[in-house]
Amino acid sequence: MGMHEYFKSLSDLEKIYRCPGKFKFEEHSVAAHSFKVTKIAQFLGTVEEYNGQEVDWKALYEKALNHDYSEIFIGDIKTPVKYADPDLRERLANVEESMTKHFIEEEIPEEFQAIYHDRLKEGKDETLEGKILSVADKVDLLYESFGEIQKGNPEDLFTQIYQESLSTILNFKELASVQYFLAEILPDLLSGEFTNQTALERISQRILKEHDIEQTFAMDS
């Protein structure tokens, strides 16, 4: 027992690639995703704080950095698959939780186990920090899928992932950081010329309308 196995496992996260089994122009590892989500969460938290919210930065960083550690045990499951069957999603979450608990009790020194049980648990909750994590996770997934669409990847899966990511982000439309994302970042994302640009603009507008959001920017400009 000791931290050696935990430290060694961090390198394994570099070898677990997201969205397995599909052609991709660019691979993204779980380790890279965790880093990007942490950086995105940092900015979203900054927007929230700027708008008067009190952010628990320690909690936010720990949630963001650790949110996908449990994928070391079962790998990444494609987003549409996870969301297609709520029972499957719940079973996968239970397996991840059980295996993470077992790993902590086997490998983490006893005096630190309670800390790591808290750090490695599901971080997406009803706290402000949990909501920011939910948004940051989907913002990175949206960018990953957009990158494939932009490069002309013919797989329909990436359009599905883009739609699911944007829809989930909009579930948190009450957050100042999400309002900033919609007003300042999404228009920039869609402003360049790329394959399927018009279709993606229409998809984005449709999803916005489904969430009763009327944007003032013109994506076709």
Protein backbone atom coordinates (compact mmCIF):
# COMPACT_ATOMS: atom_id res chain seq x y z
CA MET A 1 0.00 0.00 0.00
CA GLY A 2 1.25 3.48 -0.78
CA MET A 3 0.97 6.46 -3.08
CA HIS A 4 3.22 4.78 -5.67
CA GLU A 5 0.29 3.04 -7.39
CA TYR A 6 -1.72 6.26 -7.45
CA PHE A 7 1.15 8.23 -8.96
CA LYS A 8 1.77 5.48 -11.50
CA SER A 9 -1.90 5.45 -12.45
CA LEU A 10 -1.72 9.11 -13.50
CA SER A 11 0.38 8.11 -16.50
CA ASP A 12 -2.29 5.59 -17.46
CA LEU A 13 -4.75 8.47 -17.87
CA GLU A 14 -2.57 9.70 -20.72
CA LYS A 15 -3.20 6.42 -22.55
CA ILE A 16 -7.00 6.40 -22.22
CA TYR A 17 -8.43 8.14 -25.27
CA ARG A 18 -11.82 9.76 -25.34
CA CYS A 19 -14.60 8.69 -27.71
CA PRO A 20 -13.05 5.31 -28.54
CA GLY A 21 -13.88 3.27 -31.60
CA LYS A 22 -14.50 6.18 -33.98
CA PHE A 23 -12.29 7.81 -36.58
CA LYS A 24 -10.85 11.07 -35.26
CA PHE A 25 -8.47 13.58 -36.75
CA GLU A 26 -7.15 14.36 -33.27
CA GLU A 27 -7.01 12.14 -30.21
CA HIS A 28 -7.72 13.54 -26.75
CA SER A 29 -6.65 11.67 -23.64
CA VAL A 30 -8.47 11.68 -20.31
CA ALA A 31 -5.43 13.37 -18.76
CA ALA A 32 -5.54 16.21 -21.32
CA HIS A 33 -9.30 16.55 -20.87
CA SER A 34 -8.93 16.87 -17.09
CA PHE A 35 -6.36 19.65 -17.54
CA LYS A 36 -8.54 21.54 -20.04
CA VAL A 37 -11.66 21.20 -17.90
CA THR A 38 -9.74 22.63 -14.94
CA LYS A 39 -8.61 25.63 -17.00
CA ILE A 40 -12.14 26.20 -18.35
CA ALA A 41 -13.61 25.88 -14.86
CA GLN A 42 -11.08 28.43 -13.65
CA PHE A 43 -12.37 30.97 -16.16
CA LEU A 44 -16.03 30.18 -15.51
CA GLY A 45 -15.40 30.59 -11.79
CA THR A 46 -13.72 33.93 -12.48
CA VAL A 47 -16.84 35.12 -14.33
CA GLU A 48 -19.05 33.97 -11.45
CA GLU A 49 -16.87 35.74 -8.90
CA TYR A 50 -16.81 38.90 -11.03
CA ASN A 51 -20.60 38.82 -10.96
CA GLY A 52 -20.80 38.64 -7.19
CA GLN A 53 -20.81 34.90 -6.47
CA GLU A 54 -18.61 33.41 -3.77
CA VAL A 55 -16.50 30.63 -5.31
CA ASP A 56 -14.87 27.91 -3.21
CA TRP A 57 -11.74 27.69 -5.34
CA LYS A 58 -10.27 24.70 -3.51
CA ALA A 59 -13.45 22.71 -4.09
CA LEU A 60 -13.67 23.83 -7.72
CA TYR A 61 -10.09 22.88 -8.56
CA GLU A 62 -10.37 19.51 -6.84
CA LYS A 63 -13.66 18.72 -8.56
CA ALA A 64 -12.38 19.70 -12.00
CA LEU A 65 -8.97 18.05 -11.77
CA ASN A 66 -10.30 14.76 -10.39
CA HIS A 67 -13.65 14.49 -12.15
CA ASP A 68 -12.70 11.70 -14.58
CA TYR A 69 -10.10 9.83 -12.56
CA SER A 70 -12.43 6.83 -12.22
CA GLU A 71 -12.25 6.30 -16.00
CA ILE A 72 -8.92 4.66 -15.32
CA PHE A 73 -10.93 1.59 -14.31
CA ILE A 74 -13.47 1.27 -17.15
CA GLY A 75 -12.24 3.72 -19.78
CA ASP A 76 -14.29 6.37 -21.56
CA ILE A 77 -17.81 5.53 -22.72
CA LYS A 78 -19.11 7.54 -25.68
CA THR A 79 -21.45 10.32 -24.55
CA PRO A 80 -24.50 9.29 -26.65
CA VAL A 81 -24.20 5.74 -25.30
CA LYS A 82 -24.09 6.94 -21.70
CA TYR A 83 -27.16 9.11 -22.13
CA ALA A 84 -29.19 6.73 -24.30
CA ASP A 85 -30.15 4.52 -21.34
CA PRO A 86 -30.44 6.09 -17.86
CA ASP A 87 -30.20 2.65 -16.24
CA LEU A 88 -26.93 1.94 -18.06
CA ARG A 89 -25.56 5.31 -17.02
CA GLU A 90 -26.46 4.61 -13.39
CA ARG A 91 -24.90 1.13 -13.50
CA LEU A 92 -21.68 2.50 -15.01
CA ALA A 93 -21.55 5.17 -12.31
CA ASN A 94 -22.00 2.51 -9.63
CA VAL A 95 -19.20 0.39 -11.10
CA GLU A 96 -16.86 3.40 -11.24
CA GLU A 97 -17.72 4.34 -7.66
CA SER A 98 -17.18 0.80 -6.39
CA MET A 99 -13.84 0.37 -8.15
CA THR A 100 -12.61 3.78 -7.03
CA LYS A 101 -13.56 2.96 -3.44
CA HIS A 102 -11.72 -0.35 -3.64
CA PHE A 103 -8.62 1.32 -5.12
CA ILE A 104 -8.53 3.93 -2.36
CA GLU A 105 -8.85 1.33 0.37
CA GLU A 106 -6.16 -0.85 -1.20
CA GLU A 107 -3.60 1.75 -2.28
CA ILE A 108 -4.05 5.06 -0.45
CA PRO A 109 -2.48 5.25 3.03
CA GLU A 110 -5.15 4.94 5.70
CA GLU A 111 -4.63 8.41 7.11
CA PHE A 112 -5.45 9.96 3.70
CA GLN A 113 -8.28 7.68 2.63
CA ALA A 114 -11.12 9.90 3.83
CA ILE A 115 -9.62 12.82 1.93
CA TYR A 116 -9.38 10.83 -1.29
CA HIS A 117 -12.86 9.37 -0.91
CA ASP A 118 -14.05 12.97 -0.94
CA ARG A 119 -11.72 14.10 -3.75
CA LEU A 120 -12.51 11.27 -6.14
CA LYS A 121 -16.28 11.14 -5.64
CA GLU A 122 -18.70 12.48 -8.26
CA GLY A 123 -18.12 16.22 -8.34
CA LYS A 124 -21.15 17.32 -10.36
CA ASP A 125 -23.62 18.34 -7.68
CA GLU A 126 -25.94 21.22 -6.80
CA THR A 127 -23.19 23.45 -5.42
CA LEU A 128 -21.98 26.36 -7.53
CA GLU A 129 -18.70 24.53 -8.00
CA GLY A 130 -20.50 21.35 -9.08
CA LYS A 131 -22.51 23.30 -11.63
CA ILE A 132 -19.40 25.00 -12.97
CA LEU A 133 -17.79 21.57 -13.36
CA SER A 134 -20.82 20.30 -15.32
CA VAL A 135 -20.55 23.26 -17.68
CA ALA A 136 -16.76 23.14 -18.03
CA ASP A 137 -16.86 19.42 -18.83
CA LYS A 138 -19.37 20.01 -21.65
CA VAL A 139 -17.57 23.08 -22.96
CA ASP A 140 -14.46 20.98 -23.54
CA LEU A 141 -16.52 18.18 -25.08
CA LEU A 142 -18.20 20.74 -27.33
CA TYR A 143 -14.80 21.99 -28.48
CA GLU A 144 -13.55 18.45 -29.08
CA SER A 145 -16.58 17.62 -31.23
CA PHE A 146 -16.42 20.99 -33.00
CA GLY A 147 -12.78 20.34 -33.88
CA GLU A 148 -13.74 17.14 -35.66
CA ILE A 149 -16.69 18.78 -37.46
CA GLN A 150 -14.49 21.71 -38.48
CA LYS A 151 -11.96 19.33 -40.03
CA GLY A 152 -14.70 17.56 -42.00
CA ASN A 153 -14.99 14.35 -40.01
CA PRO A 154 -17.89 12.43 -41.64
CA GLU A 155 -18.96 10.66 -38.44
CA ASP A 156 -22.45 11.79 -37.35
CA LEU A 157 -21.46 11.02 -33.77
CA PHE A 158 -19.61 14.32 -33.40
CA THR A 159 -22.67 16.33 -34.40
CA GLN A 160 -24.65 14.35 -31.80
CA ILE A 161 -22.01 15.09 -29.17
CA TYR A 162 -22.01 18.79 -30.10
CA GLN A 163 -25.79 18.94 -29.69
CA GLU A 164 -25.78 17.06 -26.38
CA SER A 165 -22.96 19.24 -25.03
CA LEU A 166 -24.65 22.52 -25.93
CA SER A 167 -28.00 21.32 -24.55
CA THR A 168 -26.38 20.37 -21.24
CA ILE A 169 -24.59 23.72 -21.00
CA LEU A 170 -27.94 25.46 -21.49
CA ASN A 171 -29.42 23.54 -18.57
CA PHE A 172 -27.31 25.94 -16.47
CA LYS A 173 -28.37 29.10 -18.29
CA GLU A 174 -29.01 30.87 -14.99
CA LEU A 175 -25.24 31.01 -14.36
CA ALA A 176 -23.50 34.24 -15.30
CA SER A 177 -20.65 32.20 -16.75
CA VAL A 178 -23.02 30.39 -19.13
CA GLN A 179 -24.57 33.68 -20.19
CA TYR A 180 -21.06 34.95 -20.92
CA PHE A 181 -20.29 31.80 -22.90
CA LEU A 182 -23.41 32.27 -25.03
CA ALA A 183 -22.85 35.98 -25.63
CA GLU A 184 -19.09 36.08 -26.12
CA ILE A 185 -17.65 32.64 -26.84
CA LEU A 186 -20.20 30.66 -28.84
CA PRO A 187 -20.47 33.35 -31.55
CA ASP A 188 -16.70 33.32 -31.98
CA LEU A 189 -16.72 29.53 -32.17
CA LEU A 190 -19.18 29.59 -35.05
CA SER A 191 -17.91 32.69 -36.85
CA GLY A 192 -15.17 31.14 -39.01
CA GLU A 193 -15.58 29.33 -42.29
CA PHE A 194 -15.54 25.55 -41.97
CA THR A 195 -17.18 22.40 -43.27
CA ASN A 196 -20.89 22.20 -42.32
CA GLN A 197 -20.83 25.71 -40.87
CA THR A 198 -24.38 26.57 -41.92
CA ALA A 199 -25.76 23.29 -40.58
CA LEU A 200 -24.01 23.75 -37.25
CA GLU A 201 -25.28 27.32 -36.95
CA ARG A 202 -28.84 26.09 -37.53
CA ILE A 203 -28.42 23.30 -35.00
CA SER A 204 -27.13 25.80 -32.44
CA GLN A 205 -30.00 28.21 -33.06
CA ARG A 206 -32.53 25.39 -32.74
CA ILE A 207 -31.10 24.25 -29.42
CA LEU A 208 -31.07 27.81 -28.11
CA LYS A 209 -34.73 28.22 -29.01
CA GLU A 210 -35.60 24.91 -27.34
CA HIS A 211 -34.19 26.39 -24.14
CA ASP A 212 -36.12 29.66 -24.61
CA ILE A 213 -32.96 31.62 -25.28
CA GLU A 214 -33.09 34.45 -27.80
CA GLN A 215 -29.60 35.43 -28.80
CA THR A 216 -28.85 38.95 -29.97
CA PHE A 217 -25.86 37.91 -32.07
CA ALA A 218 -26.22 36.89 -35.69
CA MET A 219 -24.31 33.70 -36.38
CA ASP A 220 -24.50 34.23 -40.14
CA SER A 221 -22.74 37.55 -40.06
